[in-house]
N, C-alpha and C. Protein backbone atom coordinates (compact mmCIF):
# COMPACT_ATOMS: atom_id res chain seq x y z
N MET A 1 -20.67 3.78 -10.01
CA MET A 1 -19.49 3.61 -9.18
C MET A 1 -19.67 4.44 -7.91
N ALA A 2 -19.32 3.85 -6.78
CA ALA A 2 -19.45 4.55 -5.50
C ALA A 2 -18.47 5.70 -5.43
N GLN A 3 -18.93 6.83 -4.91
CA GLN A 3 -18.07 8.00 -4.80
C GLN A 3 -17.07 7.87 -3.66
N THR A 4 -17.31 6.99 -2.71
CA THR A 4 -16.41 6.86 -1.56
C THR A 4 -15.92 5.43 -1.40
N ALA A 5 -15.72 4.73 -2.49
CA ALA A 5 -15.32 3.33 -2.43
C ALA A 5 -14.06 3.14 -1.61
N GLU A 6 -14.04 2.07 -0.83
CA GLU A 6 -12.87 1.70 -0.04
C GLU A 6 -12.38 0.36 -0.56
N GLY A 7 -11.07 0.20 -0.73
CA GLY A 7 -10.58 -1.04 -1.30
C GLY A 7 -9.21 -1.46 -0.83
N THR A 8 -8.83 -2.65 -1.26
CA THR A 8 -7.56 -3.29 -0.97
C THR A 8 -7.17 -3.15 0.50
N PRO A 9 -7.95 -3.76 1.40
CA PRO A 9 -7.63 -3.64 2.82
C PRO A 9 -6.40 -4.45 3.21
N SER A 10 -5.71 -3.98 4.23
CA SER A 10 -4.61 -4.72 4.83
C SER A 10 -4.68 -4.52 6.34
N PHE A 11 -4.46 -5.59 7.08
CA PHE A 11 -4.56 -5.53 8.54
C PHE A 11 -3.36 -4.82 9.14
N GLU A 12 -3.64 -3.93 10.08
CA GLU A 12 -2.60 -3.30 10.89
C GLU A 12 -2.48 -4.03 12.22
N SER A 13 -3.63 -4.27 12.86
CA SER A 13 -3.63 -4.97 14.14
C SER A 13 -5.01 -5.54 14.43
N VAL A 14 -5.03 -6.60 15.22
CA VAL A 14 -6.26 -7.21 15.68
C VAL A 14 -6.12 -7.42 17.18
N ASN A 15 -7.06 -6.84 17.94
CA ASN A 15 -7.03 -6.96 19.39
C ASN A 15 -8.41 -7.40 19.87
N ILE A 16 -8.49 -8.60 20.41
CA ILE A 16 -9.75 -9.13 20.94
C ILE A 16 -9.57 -9.26 22.45
N LYS A 17 -10.21 -8.37 23.19
CA LYS A 17 -10.03 -8.32 24.65
C LYS A 17 -10.83 -9.43 25.33
N ASP A 18 -10.16 -10.22 26.14
CA ASP A 18 -10.80 -11.29 26.91
C ASP A 18 -11.63 -12.23 26.04
N HIS A 19 -11.18 -12.50 24.83
CA HIS A 19 -11.86 -13.39 23.89
C HIS A 19 -13.30 -12.97 23.61
N ASP A 20 -13.58 -11.68 23.73
CA ASP A 20 -14.94 -11.15 23.54
C ASP A 20 -14.96 -10.29 22.28
N LEU A 21 -15.63 -10.77 21.22
CA LEU A 21 -15.66 -10.04 19.95
C LEU A 21 -16.31 -8.66 20.10
N ASP A 22 -17.22 -8.52 21.06
CA ASP A 22 -17.85 -7.21 21.29
C ASP A 22 -16.86 -6.19 21.83
N ARG A 23 -15.71 -6.66 22.32
CA ARG A 23 -14.68 -5.76 22.83
C ARG A 23 -13.43 -5.80 21.94
N SER A 24 -13.63 -6.13 20.69
CA SER A 24 -12.51 -6.24 19.76
C SER A 24 -12.22 -4.89 19.10
N GLU A 25 -11.00 -4.78 18.61
CA GLU A 25 -10.59 -3.61 17.84
C GLU A 25 -9.69 -4.08 16.71
N ILE A 26 -10.12 -3.82 15.49
CA ILE A 26 -9.36 -4.21 14.31
C ILE A 26 -9.00 -2.95 13.55
N LYS A 27 -7.71 -2.75 13.33
CA LYS A 27 -7.24 -1.60 12.54
C LYS A 27 -6.81 -2.09 11.17
N MET A 28 -7.26 -1.35 10.15
CA MET A 28 -6.94 -1.71 8.77
C MET A 28 -6.53 -0.47 7.99
N ARG A 29 -5.65 -0.69 7.03
CA ARG A 29 -5.35 0.35 6.05
C ARG A 29 -6.02 -0.05 4.75
N PHE A 30 -6.33 0.95 3.93
CA PHE A 30 -7.01 0.73 2.67
C PHE A 30 -6.84 1.98 1.82
N HIS A 31 -7.33 1.94 0.61
CA HIS A 31 -7.39 3.16 -0.19
C HIS A 31 -8.85 3.50 -0.42
N TYR A 32 -9.11 4.78 -0.60
CA TYR A 32 -10.48 5.25 -0.82
C TYR A 32 -10.48 6.20 -2.01
N PHE A 33 -11.63 6.37 -2.63
CA PHE A 33 -11.77 7.16 -3.84
C PHE A 33 -12.04 8.61 -3.46
N LYS A 34 -10.97 9.35 -3.20
CA LYS A 34 -11.08 10.72 -2.71
C LYS A 34 -11.75 11.63 -3.75
N ASP A 35 -12.82 12.26 -3.33
CA ASP A 35 -13.56 13.22 -4.17
C ASP A 35 -13.94 12.64 -5.53
N GLY A 36 -14.07 11.31 -5.61
CA GLY A 36 -14.43 10.69 -6.89
C GLY A 36 -13.36 10.90 -7.94
N ASN A 37 -12.10 11.12 -7.52
CA ASN A 37 -11.04 11.46 -8.45
C ASN A 37 -9.92 10.42 -8.48
N VAL A 38 -9.21 10.26 -7.39
CA VAL A 38 -8.11 9.31 -7.31
C VAL A 38 -8.14 8.59 -5.95
N ASP A 39 -7.52 7.41 -5.91
CA ASP A 39 -7.41 6.68 -4.66
C ASP A 39 -6.33 7.29 -3.78
N GLN A 40 -6.62 7.37 -2.50
CA GLN A 40 -5.69 7.87 -1.49
C GLN A 40 -5.63 6.86 -0.35
N GLN A 41 -4.61 6.95 0.47
CA GLN A 41 -4.43 6.05 1.61
C GLN A 41 -5.27 6.51 2.80
N ALA A 42 -5.77 5.53 3.56
CA ALA A 42 -6.58 5.82 4.75
C ALA A 42 -6.39 4.70 5.75
N ILE A 43 -6.89 4.94 6.96
CA ILE A 43 -6.87 3.94 8.01
C ILE A 43 -8.24 3.91 8.65
N GLY A 44 -8.64 2.73 9.09
CA GLY A 44 -9.94 2.58 9.74
C GLY A 44 -9.83 1.67 10.95
N THR A 45 -10.75 1.87 11.89
CA THR A 45 -10.82 1.03 13.08
C THR A 45 -12.23 0.48 13.20
N LEU A 46 -12.32 -0.83 13.29
CA LEU A 46 -13.60 -1.50 13.50
C LEU A 46 -13.63 -1.95 14.96
N SER A 47 -14.54 -1.38 15.73
CA SER A 47 -14.66 -1.70 17.15
C SER A 47 -15.92 -2.52 17.39
N GLY A 48 -15.75 -3.67 18.08
CA GLY A 48 -16.88 -4.50 18.43
C GLY A 48 -17.68 -5.01 17.24
N PHE A 49 -17.09 -5.03 16.07
CA PHE A 49 -17.73 -5.50 14.85
C PHE A 49 -18.96 -4.68 14.46
N PHE A 50 -19.08 -3.44 14.97
CA PHE A 50 -20.23 -2.63 14.57
C PHE A 50 -19.89 -1.16 14.37
N ASP A 51 -18.81 -0.68 14.91
CA ASP A 51 -18.47 0.74 14.81
C ASP A 51 -17.23 0.90 13.92
N TRP A 52 -17.40 1.47 12.73
CA TRP A 52 -16.33 1.64 11.73
C TRP A 52 -15.99 3.11 11.62
N LYS A 53 -14.79 3.50 12.04
CA LYS A 53 -14.32 4.88 11.95
C LYS A 53 -13.10 4.92 11.05
N THR A 54 -13.10 5.89 10.15
CA THR A 54 -12.01 6.00 9.19
C THR A 54 -11.45 7.41 9.17
N GLU A 55 -10.23 7.51 8.68
CA GLU A 55 -9.63 8.82 8.45
C GLU A 55 -8.56 8.68 7.37
N PRO A 56 -8.44 9.71 6.53
CA PRO A 56 -7.39 9.67 5.51
C PRO A 56 -6.03 9.79 6.17
N LEU A 57 -5.03 9.19 5.55
CA LEU A 57 -3.65 9.34 6.01
C LEU A 57 -3.08 10.55 5.28
N VAL A 58 -3.46 11.72 5.77
CA VAL A 58 -3.18 12.99 5.10
C VAL A 58 -1.68 13.18 4.86
N ARG A 59 -0.88 12.87 5.86
CA ARG A 59 0.55 13.14 5.74
C ARG A 59 1.21 12.29 4.65
N ILE A 60 0.92 10.99 4.64
CA ILE A 60 1.54 10.14 3.61
C ILE A 60 1.01 10.52 2.23
N ASN A 61 -0.30 10.81 2.12
CA ASN A 61 -0.86 11.22 0.83
C ASN A 61 -0.20 12.49 0.33
N SER A 62 -0.04 13.46 1.22
CA SER A 62 0.59 14.74 0.87
C SER A 62 2.05 14.55 0.48
N ASN A 63 2.77 13.73 1.24
CA ASN A 63 4.19 13.49 0.93
C ASN A 63 4.37 12.80 -0.42
N LEU A 64 3.49 11.84 -0.72
CA LEU A 64 3.59 11.17 -2.02
C LEU A 64 3.24 12.13 -3.16
N LEU A 65 2.26 12.99 -2.94
CA LEU A 65 1.93 14.02 -3.93
C LEU A 65 3.13 14.94 -4.16
N ASP A 66 3.80 15.33 -3.08
CA ASP A 66 4.99 16.18 -3.20
C ASP A 66 6.12 15.49 -3.97
N MET A 67 6.14 14.15 -3.93
CA MET A 67 7.16 13.40 -4.67
C MET A 67 6.80 13.22 -6.14
N GLY A 68 5.59 13.69 -6.54
CA GLY A 68 5.19 13.61 -7.94
C GLY A 68 4.21 12.51 -8.27
N TYR A 69 3.65 11.86 -7.26
CA TYR A 69 2.66 10.81 -7.49
C TYR A 69 1.27 11.44 -7.47
N ASN A 70 0.81 11.84 -8.65
CA ASN A 70 -0.46 12.57 -8.79
C ASN A 70 -1.64 11.68 -9.12
N GLY A 71 -1.42 10.39 -9.30
CA GLY A 71 -2.49 9.46 -9.62
C GLY A 71 -2.97 8.72 -8.39
N ASN A 72 -3.30 7.46 -8.58
CA ASN A 72 -3.84 6.63 -7.51
C ASN A 72 -2.75 6.12 -6.58
N LEU A 73 -3.08 6.08 -5.29
CA LEU A 73 -2.23 5.48 -4.27
C LEU A 73 -2.98 4.25 -3.80
N GLY A 74 -2.50 3.07 -4.16
CA GLY A 74 -3.29 1.87 -3.97
C GLY A 74 -2.80 0.94 -2.89
N SER A 75 -2.61 -0.32 -3.27
CA SER A 75 -2.32 -1.34 -2.28
C SER A 75 -0.98 -1.11 -1.61
N ARG A 76 -0.84 -1.74 -0.45
CA ARG A 76 0.36 -1.57 0.34
C ARG A 76 0.68 -2.85 1.06
N SER A 77 1.93 -3.01 1.47
CA SER A 77 2.34 -4.17 2.24
C SER A 77 3.30 -3.69 3.33
N ARG A 78 3.02 -4.12 4.56
CA ARG A 78 3.83 -3.68 5.71
C ARG A 78 4.83 -4.77 6.09
N PHE A 79 5.99 -4.32 6.55
CA PHE A 79 6.97 -5.24 7.12
C PHE A 79 7.73 -4.51 8.21
N GLN A 80 8.38 -5.28 9.07
CA GLN A 80 9.19 -4.70 10.14
C GLN A 80 10.64 -5.08 9.93
N MET A 81 11.50 -4.11 10.22
CA MET A 81 12.94 -4.34 10.20
C MET A 81 13.52 -3.48 11.31
N ASN A 82 14.31 -4.08 12.17
CA ASN A 82 14.91 -3.37 13.30
C ASN A 82 13.86 -2.63 14.12
N ASN A 83 12.74 -3.30 14.39
CA ASN A 83 11.64 -2.76 15.20
C ASN A 83 11.00 -1.50 14.62
N THR A 84 11.13 -1.30 13.33
CA THR A 84 10.51 -0.16 12.65
C THR A 84 9.59 -0.67 11.56
N ASP A 85 8.39 -0.06 11.47
CA ASP A 85 7.45 -0.43 10.42
C ASP A 85 7.80 0.28 9.12
N TYR A 86 7.77 -0.46 8.04
CA TYR A 86 7.96 0.06 6.69
C TYR A 86 6.79 -0.43 5.84
N TYR A 87 6.52 0.28 4.76
CA TYR A 87 5.46 -0.09 3.84
C TYR A 87 5.98 0.02 2.41
N LEU A 88 5.50 -0.88 1.57
CA LEU A 88 5.64 -0.73 0.13
C LEU A 88 4.27 -0.27 -0.35
N ILE A 89 4.22 0.86 -1.05
CA ILE A 89 2.94 1.42 -1.49
C ILE A 89 2.92 1.58 -3.01
N GLU A 90 1.86 1.06 -3.61
CA GLU A 90 1.61 1.24 -5.04
C GLU A 90 1.25 2.71 -5.27
N SER A 91 2.04 3.41 -6.07
CA SER A 91 1.86 4.86 -6.26
C SER A 91 1.92 5.18 -7.75
N GLN A 92 0.93 5.89 -8.22
CA GLN A 92 0.83 6.20 -9.65
C GLN A 92 1.27 7.64 -9.91
N ILE A 93 2.13 7.81 -10.88
CA ILE A 93 2.64 9.14 -11.23
C ILE A 93 1.55 9.96 -11.92
N THR A 94 0.90 9.38 -12.93
CA THR A 94 -0.09 10.10 -13.72
C THR A 94 -1.42 9.35 -13.72
N LYS A 95 -2.47 10.02 -13.29
CA LYS A 95 -3.80 9.43 -13.28
C LYS A 95 -4.15 8.89 -14.66
N ASN A 96 -4.76 7.71 -14.68
CA ASN A 96 -5.24 7.05 -15.88
C ASN A 96 -4.15 6.46 -16.78
N LEU A 97 -2.90 6.46 -16.36
CA LEU A 97 -1.85 5.83 -17.16
C LEU A 97 -1.33 4.60 -16.42
N TRP A 98 -1.66 3.42 -16.96
CA TRP A 98 -1.23 2.17 -16.33
C TRP A 98 0.29 2.10 -16.21
N ASN A 99 1.00 2.62 -17.18
CA ASN A 99 2.46 2.48 -17.17
C ASN A 99 3.15 3.47 -16.23
N SER A 100 2.40 4.18 -15.40
CA SER A 100 3.04 5.11 -14.47
C SER A 100 2.95 4.65 -13.01
N PHE A 101 2.60 3.37 -12.78
CA PHE A 101 2.60 2.84 -11.42
C PHE A 101 4.02 2.49 -10.99
N ARG A 102 4.36 2.85 -9.77
CA ARG A 102 5.66 2.53 -9.19
C ARG A 102 5.42 2.03 -7.77
N ILE A 103 6.45 1.48 -7.17
CA ILE A 103 6.39 1.05 -5.77
C ILE A 103 7.30 1.97 -4.97
N VAL A 104 6.74 2.56 -3.91
CA VAL A 104 7.49 3.48 -3.05
C VAL A 104 7.64 2.85 -1.68
N LEU A 105 8.84 2.91 -1.15
CA LEU A 105 9.13 2.44 0.20
C LEU A 105 8.93 3.60 1.15
N THR A 106 8.15 3.38 2.21
CA THR A 106 7.94 4.43 3.21
C THR A 106 8.29 3.89 4.58
N LYS A 107 8.61 4.81 5.47
CA LYS A 107 8.89 4.46 6.87
C LYS A 107 7.70 4.92 7.69
N GLY A 108 7.12 4.02 8.46
CA GLY A 108 5.94 4.38 9.24
C GLY A 108 4.80 4.74 8.32
N VAL A 109 3.92 5.62 8.82
CA VAL A 109 2.74 5.98 8.03
C VAL A 109 2.89 7.31 7.31
N SER A 110 4.07 7.93 7.38
CA SER A 110 4.11 9.29 6.85
C SER A 110 5.34 9.65 6.02
N SER A 111 6.38 8.88 6.05
CA SER A 111 7.63 9.33 5.45
C SER A 111 8.03 8.53 4.22
N PRO A 112 7.69 9.01 3.01
CA PRO A 112 8.19 8.33 1.81
C PRO A 112 9.72 8.41 1.78
N LEU A 113 10.34 7.31 1.43
CA LEU A 113 11.79 7.29 1.36
C LEU A 113 12.26 7.34 -0.09
N TRP A 114 11.89 6.31 -0.87
CA TRP A 114 12.31 6.33 -2.25
C TRP A 114 11.49 5.35 -3.08
N GLN A 115 11.54 5.58 -4.38
CA GLN A 115 10.90 4.70 -5.34
C GLN A 115 11.81 3.50 -5.56
N LEU A 116 11.24 2.32 -5.54
CA LEU A 116 12.03 1.12 -5.80
C LEU A 116 12.05 0.83 -7.29
N ASP A 117 13.20 0.48 -7.79
CA ASP A 117 13.33 0.07 -9.17
C ASP A 117 13.68 -1.40 -9.18
N PHE A 118 13.13 -2.15 -10.11
CA PHE A 118 13.33 -3.59 -10.17
C PHE A 118 14.06 -3.95 -11.45
N ASN A 119 14.98 -4.89 -11.34
CA ASN A 119 15.70 -5.36 -12.51
C ASN A 119 14.96 -6.54 -13.11
N LEU A 120 14.50 -6.36 -14.32
CA LEU A 120 13.80 -7.40 -15.05
C LEU A 120 14.73 -7.96 -16.12
N PRO A 121 14.44 -9.15 -16.63
CA PRO A 121 15.24 -9.68 -17.74
C PRO A 121 15.27 -8.70 -18.90
N ASP A 122 16.34 -8.73 -19.67
CA ASP A 122 16.53 -7.78 -20.78
C ASP A 122 15.30 -7.68 -21.68
N LYS A 123 14.64 -8.77 -21.90
CA LYS A 123 13.45 -8.79 -22.76
C LYS A 123 12.39 -7.81 -22.27
N TYR A 124 12.38 -7.53 -20.96
CA TYR A 124 11.37 -6.66 -20.36
C TYR A 124 11.96 -5.39 -19.76
N LYS A 125 13.16 -5.03 -20.14
CA LYS A 125 13.86 -3.92 -19.50
C LYS A 125 13.13 -2.59 -19.59
N ASP A 126 12.26 -2.41 -20.59
CA ASP A 126 11.53 -1.15 -20.73
C ASP A 126 10.23 -1.13 -19.93
N TRP A 127 9.88 -2.22 -19.29
CA TRP A 127 8.67 -2.28 -18.49
C TRP A 127 8.98 -1.71 -17.11
N LYS A 128 8.40 -0.60 -16.78
CA LYS A 128 8.72 0.12 -15.54
C LYS A 128 7.53 0.28 -14.61
N SER A 129 6.38 -0.31 -14.96
CA SER A 129 5.17 -0.11 -14.19
C SER A 129 4.91 -1.31 -13.28
N PHE A 130 4.87 -1.05 -11.96
CA PHE A 130 4.73 -2.12 -10.96
C PHE A 130 3.59 -1.79 -10.01
N ALA A 131 2.88 -2.84 -9.57
CA ALA A 131 1.74 -2.63 -8.68
C ALA A 131 1.60 -3.82 -7.73
N ASN A 132 0.62 -3.73 -6.85
CA ASN A 132 0.25 -4.80 -5.92
C ASN A 132 1.44 -5.40 -5.17
N PRO A 133 2.20 -4.58 -4.44
CA PRO A 133 3.37 -5.12 -3.74
C PRO A 133 2.98 -6.02 -2.57
N LYS A 134 3.76 -7.04 -2.36
CA LYS A 134 3.62 -7.90 -1.19
C LYS A 134 5.02 -8.27 -0.74
N ILE A 135 5.30 -8.07 0.55
CA ILE A 135 6.61 -8.41 1.08
C ILE A 135 6.42 -9.35 2.27
N THR A 136 7.27 -10.37 2.31
CA THR A 136 7.20 -11.38 3.36
C THR A 136 8.60 -11.63 3.89
N LYS A 137 8.73 -11.68 5.21
CA LYS A 137 10.01 -11.99 5.84
C LYS A 137 10.12 -13.51 5.97
N LEU A 138 11.24 -14.06 5.52
CA LEU A 138 11.49 -15.50 5.56
C LEU A 138 12.78 -15.78 6.32
N LYS A 139 12.90 -17.00 6.81
CA LYS A 139 14.15 -17.42 7.44
C LYS A 139 14.86 -18.40 6.50
N LYS A 140 16.14 -18.14 6.31
CA LYS A 140 16.95 -19.04 5.50
C LYS A 140 17.34 -20.24 6.36
N PRO A 141 17.79 -21.32 5.75
CA PRO A 141 18.17 -22.52 6.53
C PRO A 141 19.22 -22.22 7.61
N ASP A 142 20.07 -21.21 7.38
CA ASP A 142 21.08 -20.89 8.39
C ASP A 142 20.54 -20.01 9.51
N GLY A 143 19.24 -19.68 9.47
CA GLY A 143 18.62 -18.88 10.52
C GLY A 143 18.58 -17.39 10.23
N SER A 144 19.34 -16.93 9.25
CA SER A 144 19.30 -15.51 8.91
C SER A 144 17.99 -15.21 8.18
N GLU A 145 17.65 -13.93 8.10
CA GLU A 145 16.38 -13.53 7.49
C GLU A 145 16.60 -12.92 6.12
N LEU A 146 15.58 -13.04 5.29
CA LEU A 146 15.56 -12.35 4.00
C LEU A 146 14.13 -11.95 3.72
N PHE A 147 13.96 -11.04 2.78
CA PHE A 147 12.64 -10.57 2.40
C PHE A 147 12.34 -11.01 0.97
N LEU A 148 11.14 -11.53 0.78
CA LEU A 148 10.66 -11.91 -0.54
C LEU A 148 9.62 -10.88 -0.96
N ILE A 149 9.82 -10.25 -2.11
CA ILE A 149 8.88 -9.24 -2.62
C ILE A 149 8.25 -9.79 -3.88
N SER A 150 6.92 -9.73 -3.94
CA SER A 150 6.22 -10.06 -5.17
C SER A 150 5.49 -8.80 -5.64
N ILE A 151 5.44 -8.61 -6.94
CA ILE A 151 4.79 -7.44 -7.53
C ILE A 151 4.09 -7.85 -8.82
N PHE A 152 3.12 -7.06 -9.22
CA PHE A 152 2.50 -7.22 -10.51
C PHE A 152 3.23 -6.30 -11.47
N VAL A 153 3.65 -6.82 -12.60
CA VAL A 153 4.35 -6.03 -13.61
C VAL A 153 3.37 -5.75 -14.75
N HIS A 154 3.03 -4.44 -14.93
CA HIS A 154 2.16 -4.07 -16.03
C HIS A 154 2.96 -4.22 -17.32
N GLY A 155 2.31 -4.65 -18.38
CA GLY A 155 2.98 -4.78 -19.67
C GLY A 155 3.38 -3.42 -20.21
N HIS A 156 3.05 -3.16 -21.42
CA HIS A 156 3.44 -1.90 -22.05
C HIS A 156 2.64 -0.72 -21.53
N GLY A 157 1.60 -0.98 -20.75
CA GLY A 157 0.85 0.10 -20.11
C GLY A 157 0.13 1.01 -21.08
N GLU A 158 -1.14 1.05 -20.95
CA GLU A 158 -1.95 1.92 -21.78
C GLU A 158 -2.80 2.80 -20.89
N ILE A 159 -3.67 3.56 -21.47
CA ILE A 159 -4.56 4.43 -20.73
C ILE A 159 -5.61 3.61 -20.00
N MET A 160 -5.88 3.98 -18.75
CA MET A 160 -6.89 3.30 -17.94
C MET A 160 -8.25 3.92 -18.23
N TYR A 161 -9.29 3.11 -18.20
CA TYR A 161 -10.66 3.62 -18.35
C TYR A 161 -11.48 3.19 -17.18
């Protein structure tokens, strides 16, 4: 296993100057395997399709750790509301426990706001582990907007290997 694996990329922006790929700049967020221990959030910029520069998102990682998320910080989904960027981030409370994944709503790249809780049918009411968030803004027939969120629901959650 790679000690510095990067995964689950999501686009932040794509800028191709004068239709010239050599003058392009693509910004992406992803998670990386920090110190071969747990996944943390990072951002990277690919310039001209040959220069890849990355940096950890120290502030968001630190803030999530302060909130008690000591495991992996994985996939994320960005959306805008009232001209402000928000993210849903897959955040694990305890390393190696599948049933400790939650979804945290953050504002911008640094400010965790709160853990989202989802109402499932009674049959699944004890299932509290959620991952792989995706949020999409849709327009209703009357022109108003709504957000559709999809998530992966872990079953009873066991130890990860």
